[in-house]
């Protein structure tokens, strides 16, 4: 099935250094698999963002990004992943990075981004993670979450689970599912 059959006019823009192939799936609600091929870097950053916006505008909010054929990601490309992650979380969705090549995975881990993303070895593992995450839909509605810093009692607000730095005392605060 062509990308345009899944999302009309998806391929109206293309980039020679980054190809995006879409694959629909019935295994996850509002889900799509996004196969990336090539490199994700500064010069195709805007193209990537525009294509991801088309996917979100089409109603897909549970994304599996396959990096099996993704050869290289710059810091700008990683920034694109983080921006997409934030967009997805704001609409109650999930994003899984799957089949990431070792050189890219090493960079993600060194920079601490493996704390943001669920990263799986296979698409089958990604399905399992997304289906597990979808069990927490009610939990996700608890966000944004307002709370006080345990150290200085400053009022804080968190958009999702994760690590936060208090704006007043700079303490690190971790919010996880077990807390709710």
N, C-alpha and C. Protein backbone atom coordinates (compact mmCIF):
# COMPACT_ATOMS: atom_id res chain seq x y z
N UNK A 1 0.86 -1.17 0.00
CA UNK A 1 0.00 0.00 0.00
C UNK A 1 0.90 1.24 0.00
N UNK A 2 0.58 2.20 -0.84
CA UNK A 2 1.41 3.40 -0.91
C UNK A 2 1.08 4.35 0.25
N UNK A 3 2.03 5.21 0.56
CA UNK A 3 1.82 6.19 1.63
C UNK A 3 0.60 7.06 1.36
N UNK A 4 0.38 7.42 0.10
CA UNK A 4 -0.76 8.29 -0.25
C UNK A 4 -2.10 7.59 -0.05
N UNK A 5 -2.12 6.26 -0.07
CA UNK A 5 -3.36 5.52 0.22
C UNK A 5 -3.66 5.54 1.71
N UNK A 6 -2.64 5.68 2.52
CA UNK A 6 -2.82 5.72 3.97
C UNK A 6 -3.15 7.14 4.42
N UNK A 7 -2.36 8.11 3.94
CA UNK A 7 -2.58 9.52 4.24
C UNK A 7 -2.51 10.27 2.91
N UNK A 8 -3.65 10.79 2.43
CA UNK A 8 -3.65 11.49 1.14
C UNK A 8 -2.59 12.59 1.08
N UNK A 9 -1.88 12.63 -0.01
CA UNK A 9 -0.84 13.62 -0.31
C UNK A 9 0.38 13.52 0.61
N UNK A 10 0.54 12.39 1.28
CA UNK A 10 1.69 12.24 2.17
C UNK A 10 2.99 12.39 1.39
N UNK A 11 3.04 11.82 0.20
CA UNK A 11 4.26 11.86 -0.60
C UNK A 11 4.32 13.07 -1.54
N UNK A 12 3.52 14.10 -1.26
CA UNK A 12 3.58 15.30 -2.11
C UNK A 12 4.92 16.00 -1.96
N UNK A 13 5.60 15.78 -0.83
CA UNK A 13 6.96 16.26 -0.62
C UNK A 13 7.84 15.05 -0.39
N UNK A 14 9.03 15.08 -0.94
CA UNK A 14 9.98 14.01 -0.71
C UNK A 14 11.35 14.59 -0.41
N UNK A 15 12.22 13.76 0.09
CA UNK A 15 13.59 14.16 0.38
C UNK A 15 14.50 13.01 -0.06
N UNK A 16 15.58 13.34 -0.74
CA UNK A 16 16.48 12.30 -1.26
C UNK A 16 17.29 11.62 -0.16
N UNK A 17 17.50 12.30 0.98
CA UNK A 17 18.34 11.74 2.02
C UNK A 17 17.55 11.00 3.11
N UNK A 18 16.23 11.17 3.12
CA UNK A 18 15.38 10.49 4.11
C UNK A 18 14.09 10.04 3.45
N UNK A 19 13.91 8.74 3.40
CA UNK A 19 12.66 8.18 2.88
C UNK A 19 11.81 7.69 4.06
N UNK A 20 10.51 7.93 3.93
CA UNK A 20 9.58 7.52 4.98
C UNK A 20 8.52 6.63 4.34
N UNK A 21 8.39 5.42 4.87
CA UNK A 21 7.36 4.49 4.39
C UNK A 21 6.43 4.19 5.54
N UNK A 22 5.14 4.30 5.26
CA UNK A 22 4.12 4.06 6.28
C UNK A 22 3.55 2.67 6.15
N UNK A 23 3.21 2.08 7.29
CA UNK A 23 2.57 0.77 7.32
C UNK A 23 1.47 0.80 8.37
N UNK A 24 0.25 0.54 7.94
CA UNK A 24 -0.84 0.51 8.92
C UNK A 24 -0.83 -0.83 9.64
N UNK A 25 -1.44 -0.83 10.80
CA UNK A 25 -1.52 -2.05 11.60
C UNK A 25 -2.83 -2.06 12.37
N UNK A 26 -3.40 -3.23 12.48
CA UNK A 26 -4.61 -3.41 13.29
C UNK A 26 -4.27 -3.86 14.70
N UNK A 27 -3.00 -4.09 14.96
CA UNK A 27 -2.58 -4.64 16.25
C UNK A 27 -2.55 -3.61 17.37
N UNK A 28 -2.60 -2.32 17.01
CA UNK A 28 -2.62 -1.27 18.03
C UNK A 28 -3.63 -0.21 17.61
N UNK A 29 -4.35 0.30 18.58
CA UNK A 29 -5.36 1.33 18.34
C UNK A 29 -4.67 2.62 17.90
N UNK A 30 -5.22 3.25 16.85
CA UNK A 30 -4.68 4.52 16.32
C UNK A 30 -3.19 4.42 16.02
N UNK A 31 -2.75 3.24 15.58
CA UNK A 31 -1.33 3.00 15.41
C UNK A 31 -0.86 2.95 13.97
N UNK A 32 0.41 3.28 13.80
CA UNK A 32 1.05 3.22 12.50
C UNK A 32 2.53 2.93 12.71
N UNK A 33 3.11 2.23 11.74
CA UNK A 33 4.54 1.97 11.76
C UNK A 33 5.17 2.91 10.73
N UNK A 34 6.22 3.60 11.15
CA UNK A 34 6.92 4.55 10.30
C UNK A 34 8.32 4.01 10.06
N UNK A 35 8.60 3.61 8.83
CA UNK A 35 9.92 3.08 8.47
C UNK A 35 10.76 4.22 7.93
N UNK A 36 11.90 4.48 8.58
CA UNK A 36 12.81 5.53 8.13
C UNK A 36 14.00 4.91 7.44
N UNK A 37 14.42 5.53 6.33
CA UNK A 37 15.57 5.04 5.58
C UNK A 37 16.44 6.23 5.18
N UNK A 38 17.73 6.11 5.46
CA UNK A 38 18.65 7.18 5.10
C UNK A 38 19.24 7.83 6.33
N UNK A 39 19.26 9.17 6.31
CA UNK A 39 19.80 9.92 7.44
C UNK A 39 18.79 10.97 7.89
N UNK A 40 18.80 11.25 9.18
CA UNK A 40 17.94 12.30 9.75
C UNK A 40 18.87 13.35 10.31
N UNK A 41 18.87 14.53 9.67
CA UNK A 41 19.83 15.55 10.03
C UNK A 41 19.26 16.94 9.79
N UNK A 42 20.06 17.95 9.97
CA UNK A 42 19.62 19.34 9.91
C UNK A 42 18.89 19.68 8.62
N UNK A 43 19.43 19.23 7.49
CA UNK A 43 18.89 19.65 6.20
C UNK A 43 17.54 19.01 5.86
N UNK A 44 17.19 17.89 6.50
CA UNK A 44 15.87 17.31 6.25
C UNK A 44 14.98 17.35 7.49
N UNK A 45 15.39 18.12 8.48
CA UNK A 45 14.66 18.24 9.74
C UNK A 45 13.24 18.76 9.53
N UNK A 46 13.11 19.81 8.76
CA UNK A 46 11.79 20.40 8.51
C UNK A 46 10.89 19.42 7.75
N UNK A 47 11.46 18.73 6.77
CA UNK A 47 10.71 17.72 6.03
C UNK A 47 10.18 16.65 6.99
N UNK A 48 11.05 16.16 7.88
CA UNK A 48 10.64 15.14 8.84
C UNK A 48 9.50 15.64 9.72
N UNK A 49 9.63 16.86 10.24
CA UNK A 49 8.58 17.43 11.11
C UNK A 49 7.26 17.56 10.36
N UNK A 50 7.31 18.03 9.12
CA UNK A 50 6.08 18.19 8.33
C UNK A 50 5.41 16.84 8.09
N UNK A 51 6.20 15.82 7.80
CA UNK A 51 5.63 14.49 7.55
C UNK A 51 5.03 13.92 8.84
N UNK A 52 5.69 14.13 9.96
CA UNK A 52 5.15 13.63 11.23
C UNK A 52 3.85 14.37 11.58
N UNK A 53 3.78 15.65 11.27
CA UNK A 53 2.54 16.41 11.51
C UNK A 53 1.39 15.87 10.66
N UNK A 54 1.68 15.45 9.44
CA UNK A 54 0.64 14.84 8.59
C UNK A 54 0.11 13.57 9.24
N UNK A 55 1.02 12.80 9.82
CA UNK A 55 0.62 11.55 10.49
C UNK A 55 -0.28 11.84 11.69
N UNK A 56 0.11 12.81 12.50
CA UNK A 56 -0.69 13.17 13.67
C UNK A 56 -2.03 13.77 13.25
N UNK A 57 -2.02 14.61 12.22
CA UNK A 57 -3.26 15.22 11.73
C UNK A 57 -4.22 14.17 11.17
N UNK A 58 -3.68 13.04 10.71
CA UNK A 58 -4.53 11.96 10.20
C UNK A 58 -5.14 11.12 11.32
N UNK A 59 -4.78 11.41 12.58
CA UNK A 59 -5.40 10.72 13.70
C UNK A 59 -4.57 9.60 14.31
N UNK A 60 -3.38 9.40 13.80
CA UNK A 60 -2.51 8.38 14.38
C UNK A 60 -1.80 8.97 15.59
N UNK A 61 -1.84 8.25 16.71
CA UNK A 61 -1.19 8.76 17.91
C UNK A 61 -0.33 7.72 18.62
N UNK A 62 -0.34 6.50 18.14
CA UNK A 62 0.53 5.46 18.67
C UNK A 62 1.48 5.05 17.56
N UNK A 63 2.73 5.48 17.70
CA UNK A 63 3.69 5.34 16.61
C UNK A 63 4.80 4.37 16.96
N UNK A 64 5.13 3.53 15.98
CA UNK A 64 6.33 2.72 16.04
C UNK A 64 7.24 3.26 14.95
N UNK A 65 8.40 3.73 15.33
CA UNK A 65 9.37 4.21 14.35
C UNK A 65 10.43 3.15 14.18
N UNK A 66 10.49 2.59 12.99
CA UNK A 66 11.48 1.57 12.68
C UNK A 66 12.72 2.24 12.11
N UNK A 67 13.85 2.02 12.76
CA UNK A 67 15.12 2.57 12.30
C UNK A 67 16.00 1.53 11.66
N UNK A 68 15.40 0.45 11.19
CA UNK A 68 16.18 -0.65 10.61
C UNK A 68 17.06 -0.17 9.45
N UNK A 69 16.57 0.80 8.66
CA UNK A 69 17.33 1.31 7.52
C UNK A 69 17.78 2.76 7.72
N UNK A 70 17.70 3.22 8.96
CA UNK A 70 18.16 4.56 9.29
C UNK A 70 19.65 4.46 9.62
N UNK A 71 20.47 5.12 8.83
CA UNK A 71 21.92 4.95 8.95
C UNK A 71 22.60 5.94 9.89
N UNK A 72 22.01 7.11 10.05
CA UNK A 72 22.70 8.15 10.81
C UNK A 72 21.67 9.16 11.32
N UNK A 73 21.88 9.64 12.53
CA UNK A 73 21.02 10.68 13.12
C UNK A 73 21.92 11.71 13.77
N UNK A 74 21.75 12.98 13.40
CA UNK A 74 22.50 14.06 14.03
C UNK A 74 21.78 14.53 15.29
N UNK A 75 22.38 15.47 15.99
CA UNK A 75 21.73 16.02 17.18
C UNK A 75 20.40 16.68 16.82
N UNK A 76 20.33 17.28 15.64
CA UNK A 76 19.06 17.87 15.19
C UNK A 76 18.01 16.78 15.00
N UNK A 77 18.43 15.64 14.45
CA UNK A 77 17.51 14.52 14.27
C UNK A 77 16.99 13.99 15.59
N UNK A 78 17.88 13.91 16.58
CA UNK A 78 17.46 13.48 17.92
C UNK A 78 16.48 14.50 18.49
N UNK A 79 16.75 15.78 18.26
CA UNK A 79 15.82 16.83 18.67
C UNK A 79 14.45 16.65 18.05
N UNK A 80 14.42 16.21 16.78
CA UNK A 80 13.14 15.94 16.11
C UNK A 80 12.38 14.82 16.83
N UNK A 81 13.10 13.78 17.23
CA UNK A 81 12.46 12.69 17.96
C UNK A 81 11.87 13.19 19.28
N UNK A 82 12.61 14.04 19.98
CA UNK A 82 12.13 14.56 21.26
C UNK A 82 10.90 15.44 21.06
N UNK A 83 10.93 16.29 20.04
CA UNK A 83 9.78 17.15 19.74
C UNK A 83 8.56 16.29 19.41
N UNK A 84 8.76 15.24 18.61
CA UNK A 84 7.66 14.34 18.27
C UNK A 84 7.15 13.63 19.52
N UNK A 85 8.06 13.20 20.39
CA UNK A 85 7.69 12.56 21.65
C UNK A 85 6.76 13.47 22.45
N UNK A 86 7.12 14.74 22.56
CA UNK A 86 6.31 15.69 23.32
C UNK A 86 4.95 15.89 22.68
N UNK A 87 4.91 15.98 21.36
CA UNK A 87 3.63 16.13 20.67
C UNK A 87 2.73 14.93 20.93
N UNK A 88 3.30 13.75 20.84
CA UNK A 88 2.54 12.51 21.04
C UNK A 88 2.00 12.43 22.46
N UNK A 89 2.82 12.76 23.44
CA UNK A 89 2.39 12.69 24.83
C UNK A 89 1.27 13.69 25.11
N UNK A 90 1.28 14.85 24.46
CA UNK A 90 0.23 15.85 24.68
C UNK A 90 -1.14 15.37 24.19
N UNK A 91 -1.16 14.46 23.23
CA UNK A 91 -2.44 13.95 22.73
C UNK A 91 -2.76 12.57 23.29
N UNK A 92 -1.99 12.13 24.28
CA UNK A 92 -2.28 10.85 24.93
C UNK A 92 -1.81 9.64 24.17
N UNK A 93 -0.83 9.81 23.30
CA UNK A 93 -0.31 8.70 22.53
C UNK A 93 1.01 8.19 23.05
N UNK A 94 1.58 7.27 22.29
CA UNK A 94 2.85 6.67 22.66
C UNK A 94 3.73 6.56 21.42
N UNK A 95 5.02 6.55 21.65
CA UNK A 95 5.99 6.38 20.57
C UNK A 95 7.02 5.36 21.01
N UNK A 96 7.30 4.43 20.12
CA UNK A 96 8.30 3.39 20.37
C UNK A 96 9.34 3.48 19.25
N UNK A 97 10.61 3.48 19.62
CA UNK A 97 11.68 3.38 18.63
C UNK A 97 12.05 1.91 18.55
N UNK A 98 12.09 1.37 17.34
CA UNK A 98 12.34 -0.05 17.17
C UNK A 98 13.39 -0.28 16.09
N UNK A 99 14.10 -1.37 16.24
CA UNK A 99 15.10 -1.79 15.25
C UNK A 99 16.15 -0.71 15.00
N UNK A 100 16.54 -0.03 16.05
CA UNK A 100 17.53 1.05 15.94
C UNK A 100 18.92 0.42 15.80
N UNK A 101 19.68 0.93 14.85
CA UNK A 101 21.03 0.40 14.62
C UNK A 101 21.92 0.70 15.83
N UNK A 102 22.90 -0.18 16.09
CA UNK A 102 23.75 -0.02 17.28
C UNK A 102 24.44 1.33 17.40
N UNK A 103 24.91 1.90 16.29
CA UNK A 103 25.61 3.19 16.38
C UNK A 103 24.67 4.31 16.83
N UNK A 104 23.43 4.28 16.39
CA UNK A 104 22.44 5.29 16.80
C UNK A 104 21.99 5.02 18.23
N UNK A 105 21.77 3.75 18.55
CA UNK A 105 21.34 3.37 19.90
C UNK A 105 22.37 3.79 20.93
N UNK A 106 23.65 3.62 20.61
CA UNK A 106 24.71 4.01 21.53
C UNK A 106 24.66 5.50 21.84
N UNK A 107 24.43 6.32 20.82
CA UNK A 107 24.34 7.77 21.02
C UNK A 107 23.12 8.11 21.88
N UNK A 108 21.98 7.48 21.59
CA UNK A 108 20.77 7.73 22.38
C UNK A 108 21.01 7.39 23.86
N UNK A 109 21.68 6.28 24.10
CA UNK A 109 21.95 5.88 25.48
C UNK A 109 22.95 6.82 26.16
N UNK A 110 24.01 7.18 25.44
CA UNK A 110 25.03 8.07 26.02
C UNK A 110 24.44 9.43 26.40
N UNK A 111 23.50 9.92 25.60
CA UNK A 111 22.89 11.21 25.87
C UNK A 111 21.72 11.13 26.85
N UNK A 112 21.37 9.91 27.27
CA UNK A 112 20.30 9.74 28.24
C UNK A 112 18.91 9.70 27.65
N UNK A 113 18.81 9.66 26.33
CA UNK A 113 17.50 9.68 25.70
C UNK A 113 16.80 8.33 25.75
N UNK A 114 17.52 7.30 26.15
CA UNK A 114 16.86 6.01 26.34
C UNK A 114 15.93 6.07 27.55
N UNK A 115 16.05 7.14 28.38
CA UNK A 115 15.12 7.35 29.49
C UNK A 115 13.79 7.90 28.99
N UNK A 116 13.82 8.63 27.87
CA UNK A 116 12.60 9.19 27.29
C UNK A 116 11.83 8.14 26.50
N UNK A 117 12.56 7.41 25.70
CA UNK A 117 11.94 6.54 24.71
C UNK A 117 11.96 5.09 25.15
N UNK A 118 10.91 4.38 24.78
CA UNK A 118 10.94 2.93 24.86
C UNK A 118 11.58 2.49 23.55
N UNK A 119 12.62 1.69 23.66
CA UNK A 119 13.36 1.24 22.49
C UNK A 119 13.31 -0.28 22.49
N UNK A 120 12.86 -0.85 21.37
CA UNK A 120 12.75 -2.31 21.27
C UNK A 120 13.61 -2.83 20.13
N UNK A 121 13.92 -4.13 20.21
CA UNK A 121 14.72 -4.77 19.17
C UNK A 121 13.89 -5.11 17.94
N UNK A 122 12.60 -5.43 18.15
CA UNK A 122 11.76 -5.88 17.04
C UNK A 122 10.42 -5.14 17.04
N UNK A 123 9.76 -5.18 15.90
CA UNK A 123 8.41 -4.61 15.79
C UNK A 123 7.45 -5.37 16.69
N UNK A 124 7.61 -6.68 16.80
CA UNK A 124 6.75 -7.49 17.67
C UNK A 124 6.88 -7.02 19.12
N UNK A 125 8.11 -6.73 19.56
CA UNK A 125 8.31 -6.20 20.92
C UNK A 125 7.66 -4.83 21.06
N UNK A 126 7.71 -4.03 20.00
CA UNK A 126 7.08 -2.70 20.02
C UNK A 126 5.57 -2.82 20.18
N UNK A 127 4.96 -3.79 19.48
CA UNK A 127 3.52 -4.03 19.65
C UNK A 127 3.21 -4.33 21.11
N UNK A 128 4.00 -5.20 21.70
CA UNK A 128 3.76 -5.59 23.10
C UNK A 128 3.87 -4.37 24.02
N UNK A 129 4.87 -3.53 23.79
CA UNK A 129 5.03 -2.32 24.62
C UNK A 129 3.86 -1.37 24.45
N UNK A 130 3.43 -1.16 23.21
CA UNK A 130 2.31 -0.24 22.98
C UNK A 130 1.03 -0.78 23.60
N UNK A 131 0.79 -2.06 23.46
CA UNK A 131 -0.41 -2.64 24.06
C UNK A 131 -0.34 -2.57 25.58
N UNK A 132 0.85 -2.74 26.14
CA UNK A 132 1.03 -2.59 27.59
C UNK A 132 0.78 -1.13 27.99
N UNK A 133 1.33 -0.20 27.22
CA UNK A 133 1.15 1.23 27.52
C UNK A 133 -0.31 1.67 27.39
N UNK A 134 -1.05 1.07 26.46
CA UNK A 134 -2.44 1.45 26.28
C UNK A 134 -3.30 1.06 27.47
N UNK A 135 -2.80 0.16 28.32
CA UNK A 135 -3.52 -0.18 29.54
C UNK A 135 -3.52 0.99 30.52
N UNK A 136 -2.64 1.97 30.30
CA UNK A 136 -2.50 3.09 31.21
C UNK A 136 -3.17 4.36 30.68
N UNK A 137 -4.16 4.22 29.80
CA UNK A 137 -4.82 5.39 29.24
C UNK A 137 -5.46 6.25 30.33
N UNK A 138 -6.13 5.62 31.27
CA UNK A 138 -6.76 6.37 32.36
C UNK A 138 -5.69 7.07 33.17
N UNK A 139 -4.59 6.39 33.42
CA UNK A 139 -3.48 6.97 34.15
C UNK A 139 -2.96 8.22 33.45
N UNK A 140 -2.84 8.18 32.11
CA UNK A 140 -2.31 9.32 31.35
C UNK A 140 -3.19 10.55 31.51
N UNK A 141 -4.47 10.37 31.80
CA UNK A 141 -5.36 11.51 31.96
C UNK A 141 -5.08 12.28 33.25
N UNK A 142 -4.21 11.74 34.11
CA UNK A 142 -3.83 12.44 35.34
C UNK A 142 -2.87 13.58 35.04
N UNK A 143 -2.40 13.64 33.82
CA UNK A 143 -1.44 14.68 33.44
C UNK A 143 -2.11 15.75 32.60
N UNK A 144 -1.66 16.99 32.66
CA UNK A 144 -0.52 17.45 33.43
C UNK A 144 -0.80 17.36 34.93
N UNK A 145 0.24 17.09 35.68
CA UNK A 145 0.15 16.83 37.11
C UNK A 145 0.82 17.97 37.88
N UNK A 146 0.10 18.57 38.82
CA UNK A 146 0.65 19.62 39.67
C UNK A 146 1.07 19.02 41.00
N UNK A 147 2.25 19.42 41.47
CA UNK A 147 2.76 18.87 42.71
C UNK A 147 3.76 19.86 43.32
N UNK A 148 4.16 19.59 44.57
CA UNK A 148 5.14 20.42 45.24
C UNK A 148 6.49 19.71 45.28
N UNK A 149 7.54 20.48 45.12
CA UNK A 149 8.88 19.95 45.27
C UNK A 149 9.03 19.46 46.71
N UNK A 150 9.49 18.23 46.91
CA UNK A 150 9.64 17.72 48.27
C UNK A 150 10.72 18.44 49.08
N UNK A 151 11.63 19.13 48.40
CA UNK A 151 12.72 19.82 49.09
C UNK A 151 12.34 21.24 49.50
N UNK A 152 11.87 22.04 48.54
CA UNK A 152 11.65 23.47 48.83
C UNK A 152 10.16 23.86 48.80
N UNK A 153 9.29 22.90 48.46
CA UNK A 153 7.84 23.11 48.44
C UNK A 153 7.37 24.06 47.31
N UNK A 154 8.21 24.28 46.30
CA UNK A 154 7.81 25.10 45.15
C UNK A 154 6.73 24.35 44.38
N UNK A 155 5.76 25.07 43.83
CA UNK A 155 4.71 24.46 43.02
C UNK A 155 5.25 24.17 41.63
N UNK A 156 5.07 22.91 41.19
CA UNK A 156 5.58 22.47 39.89
C UNK A 156 4.46 21.80 39.10
N UNK A 157 4.69 21.66 37.80
CA UNK A 157 3.71 21.02 36.93
C UNK A 157 4.46 20.13 35.94
N UNK A 158 4.03 18.89 35.81
CA UNK A 158 4.68 17.93 34.92
C UNK A 158 3.70 17.49 33.83
N UNK A 159 4.13 17.51 32.57
CA UNK A 159 3.23 17.09 31.49
C UNK A 159 3.11 15.57 31.36
N UNK A 160 4.07 14.82 31.93
CA UNK A 160 4.06 13.36 31.80
C UNK A 160 5.04 12.75 32.79
N UNK A 161 5.12 11.45 32.83
CA UNK A 161 6.07 10.73 33.67
C UNK A 161 7.47 11.11 33.21
N UNK A 162 8.40 11.20 34.13
CA UNK A 162 9.78 11.49 33.76
C UNK A 162 10.53 12.14 34.90
N UNK A 163 11.73 12.61 34.56
CA UNK A 163 12.57 13.30 35.53
C UNK A 163 12.43 14.79 35.31
N UNK A 164 12.33 15.53 36.41
CA UNK A 164 12.17 16.97 36.35
C UNK A 164 13.15 17.63 37.31
N UNK A 165 13.56 18.83 36.98
CA UNK A 165 14.43 19.62 37.84
C UNK A 165 13.58 20.75 38.39
N UNK A 166 13.56 20.89 39.70
CA UNK A 166 12.81 21.96 40.35
C UNK A 166 13.37 23.29 39.87
N UNK A 167 12.48 24.20 39.51
CA UNK A 167 12.91 25.51 39.03
C UNK A 167 13.47 26.38 40.14
N UNK A 168 13.14 26.06 41.39
CA UNK A 168 13.64 26.86 42.51
C UNK A 168 14.94 26.34 43.09
N UNK A 169 14.93 25.09 43.54
CA UNK A 169 16.10 24.57 44.25
C UNK A 169 16.97 23.64 43.39
N UNK A 170 16.53 23.36 42.16
CA UNK A 170 17.27 22.53 41.21
C UNK A 170 17.36 21.05 41.61
N UNK A 171 16.54 20.61 42.54
CA UNK A 171 16.49 19.20 42.90
C UNK A 171 15.90 18.41 41.73
N UNK A 172 16.35 17.17 41.58
CA UNK A 172 15.79 16.30 40.55
C UNK A 172 14.66 15.50 41.16
N UNK A 173 13.52 15.49 40.47
CA UNK A 173 12.33 14.80 40.94
C UNK A 173 11.92 13.81 39.86
N UNK A 174 11.66 12.58 40.23
CA UNK A 174 11.25 11.55 39.28
C UNK A 174 9.79 11.20 39.53
N UNK A 175 8.99 11.26 38.48
CA UNK A 175 7.59 10.81 38.54
C UNK A 175 7.51 9.52 37.75
N UNK A 176 6.95 8.47 38.36
CA UNK A 176 6.77 7.21 37.65
C UNK A 176 5.39 6.66 37.93
N UNK A 177 5.02 5.61 37.19
CA UNK A 177 3.67 5.04 37.26
C UNK A 177 3.33 4.54 38.66
N UNK A 178 4.33 4.06 39.37
CA UNK A 178 4.09 3.51 40.71
C UNK A 178 3.61 4.58 41.69
N UNK A 179 3.83 5.83 41.38
CA UNK A 179 3.47 6.93 42.29
C UNK A 179 1.98 7.27 42.23
N UNK A 180 1.28 6.76 41.22
CA UNK A 180 -0.11 7.18 41.04
C UNK A 180 -1.08 6.05 41.29
